[in-house]
Protein backbone atom coordinates (compact mmCIF):
# COMPACT_ATOMS: atom_id res chain seq x y z
CA MET A 1 -70.73 55.89 15.77
CA LYS A 2 -71.67 52.26 15.15
CA THR A 3 -68.35 50.46 14.91
CA LYS A 4 -69.18 47.36 16.93
CA PRO A 5 -70.82 45.45 14.05
CA LEU A 6 -67.74 46.05 11.91
CA LEU A 7 -65.44 44.95 14.72
CA TRP A 8 -67.48 41.79 15.28
CA ALA A 9 -67.42 41.05 11.55
CA LEU A 10 -63.64 41.50 11.41
CA LEU A 11 -63.23 39.23 14.42
CA ALA A 12 -65.55 36.62 12.94
CA VAL A 13 -63.53 36.54 9.71
CA ALA A 14 -60.03 36.86 11.18
CA VAL A 15 -60.29 33.97 13.65
CA PRO A 16 -61.18 31.26 11.12
CA VAL A 17 -58.62 32.62 8.65
CA ASN A 18 -55.96 32.47 11.34
CA VAL A 19 -56.91 28.93 12.32
CA SER A 20 -57.10 27.60 8.77
CA SER A 21 -54.07 29.39 7.35
CA SER A 22 -51.77 26.49 8.18
CA PHE A 23 -54.00 24.10 6.22
CA HIS A 24 -54.31 26.19 3.06
CA PHE A 25 -50.96 27.93 2.79
CA GLY A 26 -47.34 27.00 3.18
CA GLY A 27 -44.01 28.67 3.76
CA MET A 28 -43.79 32.43 3.85
CA ARG A 29 -47.39 32.95 2.70
CA GLU A 30 -48.64 30.98 5.73
CA THR A 31 -46.57 33.14 8.05
CA LEU A 32 -47.75 36.40 6.51
CA VAL A 33 -51.42 35.40 6.52
CA SER A 34 -51.17 34.10 10.07
CA VAL A 35 -49.46 37.25 11.38
CA ALA A 36 -51.88 39.58 9.57
CA SER A 37 -54.99 37.74 10.74
CA GLY A 38 -53.57 37.40 14.24
CA LEU A 39 -52.96 41.13 14.48
CA LEU A 40 -56.44 41.82 13.13
CA THR A 41 -57.92 39.45 15.71
CA LEU A 42 -56.04 41.10 18.57
CA ALA A 43 -56.88 44.61 17.38
CA SER A 44 -60.60 43.97 16.94
CA ALA A 45 -60.88 42.06 20.23
CA THR A 46 -59.08 44.88 22.06
CA ALA A 47 -61.29 47.52 20.46
CA LEU A 48 -64.42 45.56 21.40
CA TYR A 49 -63.16 45.23 24.97
CA LEU A 50 -62.45 48.95 25.23
CA THR A 51 -65.81 49.96 23.77
CA ARG A 52 -67.98 47.69 25.89
CA VAL A 53 -70.99 49.22 27.62
CA GLY A 54 -70.81 49.84 31.33
CA ARG A 55 -67.06 50.21 31.44
CA SER A 56 -66.04 52.13 34.52
CA ARG A 57 -62.73 52.86 36.09
CA GLN A 58 -62.33 52.59 39.79
CA LYS A 59 -60.21 55.27 41.33
CA SER A 60 -57.94 54.26 44.16
């Protein structure tokens, strides 16, 4: 399954939206947009981290 391009696209859109939300919105709308784009950023970055190639767990 090829999900990495979608995750990168979501990350590439969510970061600028999160950064610019305080300039374009105000009040409750700013908070909602910022929280939504922040969660999307964290989720896509985490998914990309977990699906990276060469990931191995070391057993103690």
